[in-house]
Amino acid sequence: MHNGRKLWSIFGPVILAFVLVLVLFSLPIKGRHSTQIEKQAAVSLSPIVFKNQSIKKQALRDRHVNFVPFFGSSELRRMDRYHPSVMAARYHNYTPFLFGSRGTQSLPQFFNINSMENEMKDQKAVYIISPQWFTKQGVMAPAFKYYNGSFANLTWLQKANPNSPYDRYTARRLLSLIGTDGTVGAAARKIAAGHSLNRWDRLVINTRVKMLEHEDALFSEFQINQNYQRYILPNIQKLPKKYNYDALYHDAVKTGEHDTTNNRFRVKNSFYTKRIKPNEKHLAGTQKKINYTSSPEYGDLQVVLNQFKNTNSNVLFVIPPVNAKWEKFTGLNMSMYYRSVEKIKFQLREQGFNHVLDLSHDGGKTSFMEDTIHIGWAGWVKFDQTSSHFIEKSQPAPHYRLSDQFLTTKWQKLNPTPANLQQFKEHQLNK
């Protein structure tokens, strides 16, 4: 009896935990999230919503609300009254579903988009692509891991094709960022080497995906913040009832001027006080050596474009500017910056992605930038004018013609002078 109690004290908790896990994951997946939860998730910018699937996939299937995915990074957190989510709630017949925070560059966005593949078929989307992503190392491993979990990786592996140069590239990038250990690492090594996954690999992957689907459906609603109540609803009533672009732009300029009075960079007062003023004297000239023209990010962008082609998504790409006063102070080489913009546009347009809003020359306009690199106020109004027209008006069906030459190191490192771009087109794309 004594031995039995001793054994139970050792193994009993383990057995009970195992039974509870079995019971938990044998429960039926919840049928539906409420519209209110969808709207909260759409502006939460939560890494949980970004990583997981049930709420965002349901929202993109919800044609009563007409959610449209907006992909980007930290600029989407600048929620003033002119933010696209507020403007859409006041004036438009769609609701942006925001995917982006600091670090959500092209590769995390690829895994996010891939997880919504069925929902994005033949749909429209907006993709904000910042030249600041295109650094020497591209997306940093900690940021990638923070926004891209096992659920997205395993979902991609379920369909990964070792014969596809895009999937082999993605597998190599995945290994470089998360390492070679575990189920994901072992499967990615096979795909990167051009080998198919065997039945056991697929059984393990499919089983883990099923468990994660249950976990997501059961717990995802408990991890959504209050951005909708805090920033969207209160700002809707601050906008005029009727849409008038010129009047909105004028009001946005005045609002920006009012909120940028304590600094020479004309950034938001609170941003200057907290983020710049304490270290201002040490920041002069700190961006002189930055280069956005050579980066693995160009290859990562290519797998995103291939995913859009696979879903036949009609996409508006938006290239934001940098604050003109800030770039002069920090010494950012604007010739280099504009070459990187031309390289991005070349990669888009040569492959049939023709909807591009280039705001890169607007960084010196009054109240266009909320801080050093993020648009706000008047910038959001201009952004909304183009994005709402793109979404609400009928657009020609896309005709994409992708080239895997844009996956190559040669393209990633190419100095995008006009002559070099023309040479790349003649020798690599037209051969």
Protein backbone atom coordinates (compact mmCIF):
# COMPACT_ATOMS: atom_id res chain seq x y z
CA MET A 1 0.00 0.00 0.00
CA HIS A 2 2.82 2.28 0.94
CA ASN A 3 4.59 1.59 -2.37
CA GLY A 4 1.36 2.18 -4.30
CA ARG A 5 0.92 5.60 -2.74
CA LYS A 6 4.54 6.45 -3.45
CA LEU A 7 4.20 5.45 -7.09
CA TRP A 8 0.97 7.44 -7.42
CA SER A 9 2.62 10.52 -5.91
CA ILE A 10 5.31 10.24 -8.60
CA PHE A 11 3.33 9.24 -11.68
CA GLY A 12 -0.21 10.34 -10.74
CA PRO A 13 0.18 14.02 -11.69
CA VAL A 14 1.76 13.02 -15.01
CA ILE A 15 -1.10 10.63 -15.79
CA LEU A 16 -3.72 13.22 -14.81
CA ALA A 17 -2.04 15.88 -16.95
CA PHE A 18 -1.96 13.49 -19.91
CA VAL A 19 -5.66 12.67 -19.45
CA LEU A 20 -6.56 16.36 -19.20
CA VAL A 21 -4.65 17.09 -22.42
CA LEU A 22 -6.51 14.26 -24.19
CA VAL A 23 -9.86 15.57 -22.93
CA LEU A 24 -8.97 19.16 -23.86
CA PHE A 25 -8.00 18.35 -27.40
CA SER A 26 -10.86 15.93 -27.97
CA LEU A 27 -13.36 18.75 -27.37
CA PRO A 28 -15.01 20.04 -30.55
CA ILE A 29 -13.50 23.21 -31.99
CA LYS A 30 -15.68 26.25 -31.28
CA GLY A 31 -17.88 27.01 -34.27
CA ARG A 32 -17.68 30.78 -34.50
CA HIS A 33 -16.20 33.93 -32.99
CA SER A 34 -18.52 36.91 -32.64
CA THR A 35 -18.35 39.91 -34.98
CA GLN A 36 -17.25 42.00 -32.00
CA ILE A 37 -14.28 39.70 -31.44
CA GLU A 38 -13.42 39.92 -35.15
CA LYS A 39 -13.41 43.72 -35.00
CA GLN A 40 -11.29 43.76 -31.85
CA ALA A 41 -8.81 41.32 -33.38
CA ALA A 42 -8.64 43.37 -36.59
CA VAL A 43 -6.93 46.26 -34.80
CA SER A 44 -5.28 44.43 -31.91
CA LEU A 45 -1.93 44.04 -33.71
CA SER A 46 -1.37 41.22 -31.25
CA PRO A 47 1.36 38.64 -31.93
CA ILE A 48 -1.20 36.02 -30.87
CA VAL A 49 -3.61 37.02 -33.65
CA PHE A 50 -0.67 37.25 -36.07
CA LYS A 51 0.63 33.75 -35.21
CA ASN A 52 -2.62 31.88 -34.86
CA GLN A 53 -5.38 31.33 -37.35
CA SER A 54 -8.98 30.83 -36.26
CA ILE A 55 -10.08 34.47 -35.78
CA LYS A 56 -8.30 35.97 -38.76
CA LYS A 57 -9.39 33.20 -41.12
CA GLN A 58 -13.00 33.52 -40.01
CA ALA A 59 -12.86 37.32 -40.38
CA LEU A 60 -11.55 37.14 -43.95
CA ARG A 61 -14.43 34.79 -44.80
CA ASP A 62 -16.96 37.19 -43.26
CA ARG A 63 -18.51 39.00 -46.22
CA HIS A 64 -21.00 40.91 -44.01
CA VAL A 65 -18.20 43.02 -42.54
CA ASN A 66 -15.86 42.84 -45.57
CA PHE A 67 -12.51 42.62 -43.83
CA VAL A 68 -9.51 43.49 -46.02
CA PRO A 69 -5.99 42.47 -44.91
CA PHE A 70 -3.53 45.34 -44.42
CA PHE A 71 0.02 44.00 -44.07
CA GLY A 72 2.80 46.18 -42.69
CA SER A 73 4.90 46.80 -39.61
CA SER A 74 5.11 49.39 -36.83
CA GLU A 75 3.39 52.24 -38.74
CA LEU A 76 0.03 50.48 -38.26
CA ARG A 77 0.23 51.22 -34.52
CA ARG A 78 0.00 54.99 -35.13
CA MET A 79 -3.76 55.14 -34.45
CA ASP A 80 -4.81 58.79 -34.72
CA ARG A 81 -8.20 59.87 -36.07
CA TYR A 82 -6.92 59.61 -39.68
CA HIS A 83 -5.68 56.03 -39.32
CA PRO A 84 -7.07 53.74 -42.07
CA SER A 85 -9.13 51.74 -39.56
CA VAL A 86 -10.85 54.89 -38.28
CA MET A 87 -11.35 56.34 -41.76
CA ALA A 88 -12.82 53.06 -43.00
CA ALA A 89 -15.23 52.88 -40.07
CA ARG A 90 -16.42 56.41 -40.82
CA TYR A 91 -16.49 56.50 -44.62
CA HIS A 92 -15.89 53.18 -46.36
CA ASN A 93 -17.58 49.83 -46.98
CA TYR A 94 -14.75 47.66 -45.67
CA THR A 95 -12.84 47.05 -42.45
CA PRO A 96 -9.01 46.78 -42.45
CA PHE A 97 -7.66 43.71 -40.68
CA LEU A 98 -4.23 44.88 -39.55
CA PHE A 99 -1.23 42.56 -39.61
CA GLY A 100 1.91 44.26 -38.45
CA SER A 101 4.14 45.46 -35.66
CA ARG A 102 7.83 46.21 -35.30
CA GLY A 103 9.68 43.26 -36.86
CA THR A 104 6.91 41.90 -39.09
CA GLN A 105 8.90 42.10 -42.29
CA SER A 106 8.41 40.08 -45.45
CA LEU A 107 9.26 36.60 -44.15
CA PRO A 108 6.95 36.68 -41.09
CA GLN A 109 4.28 38.14 -43.37
CA PHE A 110 4.80 35.28 -45.83
CA PHE A 111 4.05 32.65 -43.19
CA ASN A 112 1.07 34.71 -42.05
CA ILE A 113 -0.32 35.01 -45.59
CA ASN A 114 0.35 31.34 -46.29
CA SER A 115 -1.75 30.36 -43.26
CA MET A 116 -4.71 32.25 -44.82
CA GLU A 117 -4.22 30.89 -48.33
CA ASN A 118 -7.80 29.78 -48.95
CA GLU A 119 -9.28 32.97 -47.51
CA MET A 120 -7.11 35.18 -49.74
CA LYS A 121 -8.08 33.57 -53.04
CA ASP A 122 -8.99 36.30 -55.56
CA GLN A 123 -9.20 38.94 -52.81
CA LYS A 124 -7.71 42.41 -52.45
CA ALA A 125 -5.02 43.38 -49.94
CA VAL A 126 -2.81 46.33 -48.98
CA TYR A 127 0.89 45.74 -48.31
CA ILE A 128 3.03 48.47 -46.73
CA ILE A 129 6.67 47.82 -47.58
CA SER A 130 9.30 49.93 -45.81
CA PRO A 131 12.81 50.41 -47.23
CA GLN A 132 14.02 50.26 -43.61
CA TRP A 133 13.37 46.49 -43.69
CA PHE A 134 16.12 46.03 -46.27
CA THR A 135 19.13 46.05 -43.99
CA LYS A 136 22.28 43.98 -44.42
CA GLN A 137 20.96 41.11 -42.28
CA GLY A 138 17.22 41.41 -43.10
CA VAL A 139 14.72 40.33 -40.47
CA MET A 140 16.34 39.62 -37.11
CA ALA A 141 15.96 36.14 -35.62
CA PRO A 142 14.37 37.30 -32.32
CA ALA A 143 11.71 39.32 -34.15
CA PHE A 144 11.02 36.46 -36.54
CA LYS A 145 10.59 33.98 -33.68
CA TYR A 146 8.37 36.38 -31.76
CA TYR A 147 5.88 36.73 -34.61
CA ASN A 148 6.21 33.39 -36.32
CA GLY A 149 5.38 30.35 -34.22
CA SER A 150 5.19 26.61 -34.79
CA PHE A 151 1.58 26.80 -36.00
CA ALA A 152 2.48 28.88 -39.06
CA ASN A 153 5.67 26.90 -39.75
CA LEU A 154 3.89 23.55 -39.57
CA THR A 155 0.99 24.81 -41.71
CA TRP A 156 3.51 25.79 -44.38
CA LEU A 157 5.31 22.43 -44.12
CA GLN A 158 2.05 20.59 -44.79
CA LYS A 159 2.17 21.92 -48.37
CA ALA A 160 5.89 22.63 -48.89
CA ASN A 161 7.15 21.31 -52.22
CA PRO A 162 10.86 20.31 -52.41
CA ASN A 163 10.76 20.84 -56.19
CA SER A 164 9.83 24.51 -55.79
CA PRO A 165 12.71 27.00 -55.68
CA TYR A 166 10.49 29.22 -53.52
CA ASP A 167 9.92 26.52 -50.92
CA ARG A 168 13.58 25.50 -50.90
CA TYR A 169 14.54 29.15 -50.39
CA THR A 170 11.97 29.53 -47.60
CA ALA A 171 13.24 26.37 -45.89
CA ARG A 172 16.82 27.66 -45.95
CA ARG A 173 15.75 31.02 -44.52
CA LEU A 174 13.68 29.28 -41.85
CA LEU A 175 16.65 27.18 -40.80
CA SER A 176 18.91 30.23 -40.64
CA LEU A 177 16.48 31.98 -38.29
CA ILE A 178 15.21 29.21 -35.97
CA GLY A 179 17.94 26.56 -36.23
CA THR A 180 17.79 22.91 -37.22
CA ASP A 181 16.30 21.33 -34.09
CA GLY A 182 12.83 19.89 -33.56
CA THR A 183 10.08 18.83 -35.92
CA VAL A 184 10.15 22.05 -37.94
CA GLY A 185 13.93 22.07 -38.28
CA ALA A 186 14.12 18.41 -39.34
CA ALA A 187 11.38 18.83 -41.96
CA ALA A 188 12.80 22.13 -43.25
CA ARG A 189 16.22 20.49 -43.73
CA LYS A 190 14.62 17.94 -46.05
CA ILE A 191 12.76 20.57 -48.07
CA ALA A 192 15.88 22.74 -48.35
CA ALA A 193 17.82 19.75 -49.70
CA GLY A 194 15.10 19.00 -52.26
CA HIS A 195 13.81 15.87 -50.48
CA SER A 196 10.15 15.00 -49.87
CA LEU A 197 8.76 14.44 -46.40
CA ASN A 198 7.92 10.80 -45.59
CA ARG A 199 4.68 9.45 -44.11
CA TRP A 200 5.97 9.66 -40.56
CA ASP A 201 7.01 13.29 -41.04
CA ARG A 202 3.55 14.15 -42.31
CA LEU A 203 1.81 12.24 -39.51
CA VAL A 204 3.77 14.17 -36.88
CA ILE A 205 3.18 17.51 -38.61
CA ASN A 206 -0.55 16.91 -39.14
CA THR A 207 -1.02 15.76 -35.53
CA ARG A 208 0.70 18.85 -34.15
CA VAL A 209 -1.34 21.11 -36.45
CA LYS A 210 -4.58 19.54 -35.18
CA MET A 211 -3.53 20.12 -31.57
CA LEU A 212 -2.58 23.73 -32.29
CA GLU A 213 -5.90 24.31 -34.07
CA HIS A 214 -7.72 23.22 -30.91
CA GLU A 215 -5.53 25.38 -28.70
CA ASP A 216 -6.04 28.38 -30.98
CA ALA A 217 -9.82 28.00 -31.15
CA LEU A 218 -10.15 27.51 -27.40
CA PHE A 219 -7.87 30.28 -26.12
CA SER A 220 -7.34 32.93 -28.83
CA GLU A 221 -10.22 35.15 -27.68
CA PHE A 222 -8.64 35.60 -24.26
CA GLN A 223 -5.54 37.34 -25.61
CA ILE A 224 -6.94 40.30 -27.54
CA ASN A 225 -6.27 43.84 -26.32
CA GLN A 226 -8.64 46.83 -26.22
CA ASN A 227 -7.30 48.88 -29.16
CA TYR A 228 -10.75 48.92 -30.78
CA GLN A 229 -12.41 50.45 -27.72
CA ARG A 230 -9.43 52.65 -26.84
CA TYR A 231 -8.41 54.11 -30.21
CA ILE A 232 -10.90 53.33 -32.99
CA LEU A 233 -14.36 54.00 -31.52
CA PRO A 234 -13.47 57.33 -29.81
CA ASN A 235 -11.83 58.70 -32.96
CA ILE A 236 -14.67 57.93 -35.36
CA GLN A 237 -16.82 60.78 -34.03
CA LYS A 238 -13.93 63.24 -34.38
CA LEU A 239 -14.14 62.98 -38.18
CA PRO A 240 -16.67 64.97 -40.26
CA LYS A 241 -19.74 62.99 -41.30
CA LYS A 242 -19.13 63.48 -45.01
CA TYR A 243 -15.90 62.54 -46.76
CA ASN A 244 -14.04 65.42 -48.39
CA TYR A 245 -10.40 64.74 -49.17
CA ASP A 246 -9.23 68.37 -49.31
CA ALA A 247 -10.96 69.28 -46.06
CA LEU A 248 -9.65 66.17 -44.29
CA TYR A 249 -6.10 66.82 -45.53
CA HIS A 250 -6.30 70.45 -44.36
CA ASP A 251 -7.57 69.40 -40.93
CA ALA A 252 -4.86 66.73 -40.66
CA VAL A 253 -2.16 69.31 -41.40
CA LYS A 254 -3.53 71.59 -38.68
CA THR A 255 -3.72 68.70 -36.21
CA GLY A 256 -0.14 67.71 -36.96
CA GLU A 257 1.09 71.29 -36.57
CA HIS A 258 -0.63 71.50 -33.18
CA ASP A 259 0.95 68.26 -31.99
CA THR A 260 4.55 68.96 -33.11
CA THR A 261 5.48 72.22 -31.40
CA ASN A 262 8.38 71.33 -29.10
CA ASN A 263 11.05 70.19 -31.59
CA ARG A 264 12.80 71.08 -34.83
CA PHE A 265 12.05 67.73 -36.47
CA ARG A 266 8.28 68.31 -36.41
CA VAL A 267 7.63 64.92 -34.86
CA LYS A 268 4.91 64.32 -32.27
CA ASN A 269 5.73 66.15 -29.04
CA SER A 270 5.48 63.05 -26.84
CA PHE A 271 7.71 61.06 -29.21
CA TYR A 272 10.38 63.75 -29.13
CA THR A 273 10.27 64.06 -25.35
CA LYS A 274 10.51 60.31 -24.70
CA ARG A 275 12.53 58.96 -27.60
CA ILE A 276 14.78 61.71 -29.00
CA LYS A 277 15.44 64.45 -26.45
CA PRO A 278 17.30 62.29 -23.87
CA ASN A 279 19.88 61.19 -26.49
CA GLU A 280 19.60 63.89 -29.16
CA LYS A 281 23.23 65.02 -29.07
CA HIS A 282 24.39 61.43 -29.70
CA LEU A 283 22.07 60.82 -32.67
CA ALA A 284 23.53 63.30 -35.17
CA GLY A 285 25.07 61.50 -38.15
CA THR A 286 24.18 58.02 -36.88
CA GLN A 287 22.64 56.85 -40.17
CA LYS A 288 25.48 57.77 -42.52
CA LYS A 289 26.57 54.16 -43.10
CA ILE A 290 23.12 52.60 -43.51
CA ASN A 291 22.50 50.80 -46.80
CA TYR A 292 19.12 49.46 -47.94
CA THR A 293 20.16 48.37 -51.43
CA SER A 294 21.76 45.02 -50.48
CA SER A 295 19.71 42.69 -48.32
CA PRO A 296 18.23 39.16 -48.07
CA GLU A 297 14.93 41.00 -47.63
CA TYR A 298 14.64 41.22 -51.43
CA GLY A 299 14.54 37.42 -51.58
CA ASP A 300 12.04 37.31 -48.71
CA LEU A 301 9.86 39.80 -50.58
CA GLN A 302 9.92 37.48 -53.57
CA VAL A 303 8.36 34.57 -51.67
CA VAL A 304 5.60 36.96 -50.54
CA LEU A 305 4.97 37.93 -54.16
CA ASN A 306 4.86 34.27 -55.14
CA GLN A 307 2.27 33.65 -52.43
CA PHE A 308 0.14 36.50 -53.76
CA LYS A 309 0.43 34.98 -57.22
CA ASN A 310 -0.68 31.59 -55.89
CA THR A 311 -3.80 33.14 -54.35
CA ASN A 312 -4.37 35.52 -57.28
CA SER A 313 -4.57 38.37 -54.77
CA ASN A 314 -4.89 41.90 -56.13
CA VAL A 315 -2.50 43.94 -53.99
CA LEU A 316 -1.78 47.63 -53.49
CA PHE A 317 1.81 48.17 -52.35
CA VAL A 318 2.59 51.32 -50.37
CA ILE A 319 6.14 52.62 -49.91
CA PRO A 320 6.30 55.12 -47.01
CA PRO A 321 8.83 57.97 -46.65
CA VAL A 322 11.23 59.00 -43.91
CA ASN A 323 11.06 62.30 -42.07
CA ALA A 324 13.07 64.77 -44.20
CA LYS A 325 14.33 66.80 -41.25
CA TRP A 326 15.37 63.66 -39.39
CA GLU A 327 17.26 62.13 -42.32
CA LYS A 328 19.29 65.33 -42.72
CA PHE A 329 20.13 65.35 -39.02
CA THR A 330 21.17 61.68 -38.96
CA GLY A 331 22.97 61.77 -42.32
CA LEU A 332 20.89 59.14 -44.11
CA ASN A 333 22.10 58.88 -47.71
CA MET A 334 18.95 59.77 -49.63
CA SER A 335 20.49 58.85 -52.99
CA MET A 336 20.90 55.33 -51.60
CA TYR A 337 17.39 55.45 -50.13
CA TYR A 338 15.78 56.33 -53.44
CA ARG A 339 17.79 53.64 -55.24
CA SER A 340 16.38 51.09 -52.79
CA VAL A 341 12.88 52.36 -53.56
CA GLU A 342 13.54 51.95 -57.29
CA LYS A 343 14.82 48.41 -56.68
CA ILE A 344 11.63 47.51 -54.80
CA LYS A 345 9.43 49.00 -57.53
CA PHE A 346 11.44 47.25 -60.24
CA GLN A 347 10.90 43.88 -58.52
CA LEU A 348 7.18 44.57 -58.26
CA ARG A 349 6.46 45.95 -61.70
CA GLU A 350 8.62 43.54 -63.69
CA GLN A 351 6.41 40.77 -62.33
CA GLY A 352 3.01 42.37 -62.88
CA PHE A 353 2.42 44.00 -59.47
CA ASN A 354 1.36 47.34 -60.90
CA HIS A 355 -0.56 48.93 -58.02
CA VAL A 356 2.14 50.92 -56.20
CA LEU A 357 1.69 54.05 -54.09
CA ASP A 358 5.16 55.58 -53.75
CA LEU A 359 5.18 58.09 -50.89
CA SER A 360 8.97 58.10 -50.57
CA HIS A 361 9.30 61.75 -51.67
CA ASP A 362 6.65 63.07 -49.26
CA GLY A 363 8.72 63.02 -46.06
CA GLY A 364 9.20 66.79 -46.07
CA LYS A 365 5.51 67.70 -46.31
CA THR A 366 3.90 69.38 -43.33
CA SER A 367 2.28 66.93 -40.86
CA PHE A 368 2.91 63.99 -43.17
CA MET A 369 5.11 62.13 -40.66
CA GLU A 370 4.16 61.44 -37.06
CA ASP A 371 7.73 60.63 -36.07
CA THR A 372 11.06 59.86 -37.72
CA ILE A 373 9.92 57.02 -40.03
CA HIS A 374 6.15 56.59 -39.59
CA ILE A 375 3.39 58.39 -41.48
CA GLY A 376 0.53 60.00 -39.58
CA TRP A 377 -2.09 62.77 -39.86
CA ALA A 378 -1.84 64.09 -43.46
CA GLY A 379 0.12 61.01 -44.53
CA TRP A 380 -2.73 58.75 -43.44
CA VAL A 381 -5.25 60.89 -45.35
CA LYS A 382 -3.28 60.52 -48.58
CA PHE A 383 -2.77 56.81 -47.87
CA ASP A 384 -6.51 56.38 -47.33
CA GLN A 385 -7.45 58.20 -50.53
CA THR A 386 -5.53 55.71 -52.65
CA SER A 387 -6.21 52.56 -50.63
CA SER A 388 -9.98 53.17 -50.39
CA HIS A 389 -10.21 53.80 -54.12
CA PHE A 390 -8.25 50.62 -54.82
CA ILE A 391 -10.48 48.54 -52.52
CA GLU A 392 -13.88 49.99 -53.35
CA LYS A 393 -13.49 50.29 -57.12
CA SER A 394 -13.31 47.40 -59.56
CA GLN A 395 -9.71 46.62 -60.58
CA PRO A 396 -8.41 44.70 -63.59
CA ALA A 397 -7.61 41.06 -62.87
CA PRO A 398 -3.90 40.65 -62.09
CA HIS A 399 -1.57 38.93 -64.55
CA TYR A 400 1.57 37.96 -62.66
CA ARG A 401 4.76 36.66 -64.30
CA LEU A 402 7.20 35.69 -61.57
CA SER A 403 10.88 35.01 -62.04
CA ASP A 404 12.90 33.05 -59.48
CA GLN A 405 15.90 35.19 -60.48
CA PHE A 406 14.66 37.54 -57.78
CA LEU A 407 15.49 34.85 -55.20
CA THR A 408 19.17 34.90 -56.12
CA THR A 409 22.03 36.41 -54.16
CA LYS A 410 22.94 38.34 -57.30
CA TRP A 411 19.65 40.23 -57.11
CA GLN A 412 19.77 40.67 -53.34
CA LYS A 413 23.20 42.33 -53.57
CA LEU A 414 22.67 44.24 -56.83
CA ASN A 415 23.42 47.96 -56.63
CA PRO A 416 20.24 49.28 -58.29
CA THR A 417 21.59 51.95 -60.58
CA PRO A 418 19.48 52.44 -63.74
CA ALA A 419 22.20 50.73 -65.80
CA ASN A 420 22.42 47.74 -63.44
CA LEU A 421 18.64 47.30 -63.36
CA GLN A 422 18.48 47.38 -67.14
CA GLN A 423 21.33 44.87 -67.37
CA PHE A 424 19.61 42.56 -64.88
CA LYS A 425 16.44 42.75 -66.94
CA GLU A 426 18.22 41.94 -70.20
CA HIS A 427 20.54 39.19 -68.92
CA GLN A 428 18.50 37.55 -66.16
CA LEU A 429 14.83 38.19 -66.82
CA ASN A 430 14.70 38.11 -70.60
CA LYS A 431 17.07 35.24 -71.23
